[in-house]
């Protein structure tokens, strides 16, 4: 049920643009890939640091 008092947003009123949707999906995919790579690099550096500490005790 739609309310008469609530205006619709500009994005939902018109048709979606396939190119913008494609760019947004690719940008989100790249951002999540970079985020995952950064987490992996950070985990690897922390692991190497603790390994180095254990070796030098």
Protein backbone atom coordinates (compact mmCIF):
# COMPACT_ATOMS: atom_id res chain seq x y z
CA UNK A 1 0.00 0.00 0.00
CA UNK A 2 1.46 3.34 -1.06
CA UNK A 3 0.89 6.50 0.86
CA UNK A 4 -0.27 9.60 -0.99
CA UNK A 5 1.58 11.84 1.46
CA UNK A 6 4.96 10.17 0.90
CA UNK A 7 6.68 11.41 -2.27
CA UNK A 8 8.60 8.94 -4.41
CA UNK A 9 12.31 9.44 -4.81
CA UNK A 10 13.77 10.54 -8.12
CA UNK A 11 15.64 7.27 -8.59
CA UNK A 12 12.61 5.05 -8.15
CA UNK A 13 10.37 7.19 -10.38
CA UNK A 14 12.23 6.65 -13.65
CA UNK A 15 13.69 3.65 -15.42
CA UNK A 16 17.06 2.38 -14.26
CA UNK A 17 20.11 3.00 -16.39
CA UNK A 18 21.83 -0.28 -17.22
CA UNK A 19 25.24 1.36 -17.66
CA UNK A 20 25.10 3.02 -14.25
CA UNK A 21 23.97 -0.25 -12.69
CA UNK A 22 26.82 -2.13 -14.39
CA UNK A 23 29.39 0.47 -13.24
CA UNK A 24 28.07 0.38 -9.69
CA UNK A 25 28.24 -3.43 -9.55
CA UNK A 26 31.80 -3.42 -10.90
CA UNK A 27 32.86 -0.67 -8.48
CA UNK A 28 31.43 -2.58 -5.52
CA UNK A 29 33.12 -5.77 -6.69
CA UNK A 30 36.49 -4.03 -7.02
CA UNK A 31 36.09 -2.36 -3.62
CA UNK A 32 35.30 -5.67 -1.92
CA UNK A 33 38.24 -7.34 -3.69
CA UNK A 34 40.64 -4.61 -2.59
CA UNK A 35 39.26 -4.76 0.95
CA UNK A 36 39.76 -8.53 1.04
CA UNK A 37 43.30 -8.19 -0.30
CA UNK A 38 44.13 -5.63 2.39
CA UNK A 39 42.76 -7.92 5.10
CA UNK A 40 44.85 -10.77 3.71
CA UNK A 41 48.01 -8.68 3.55
CA UNK A 42 47.47 -7.44 7.10
CA UNK A 43 46.91 -10.98 8.38
CA UNK A 44 50.05 -12.17 6.59
CA UNK A 45 52.17 -9.34 8.01
CA UNK A 46 50.87 -9.99 11.53
CA UNK A 47 51.58 -13.72 11.13
CA UNK A 48 55.11 -13.06 9.91
CA UNK A 49 55.71 -10.65 12.79
CA UNK A 50 54.62 -13.18 15.40
CA UNK A 51 56.64 -15.92 13.68
CA UNK A 52 59.72 -13.65 13.73
CA UNK A 53 59.14 -12.89 17.45
CA UNK A 54 58.92 -16.62 18.24
CA UNK A 55 62.10 -17.33 16.33
CA UNK A 56 64.02 -14.61 18.18
CA UNK A 57 62.94 -15.49 21.74
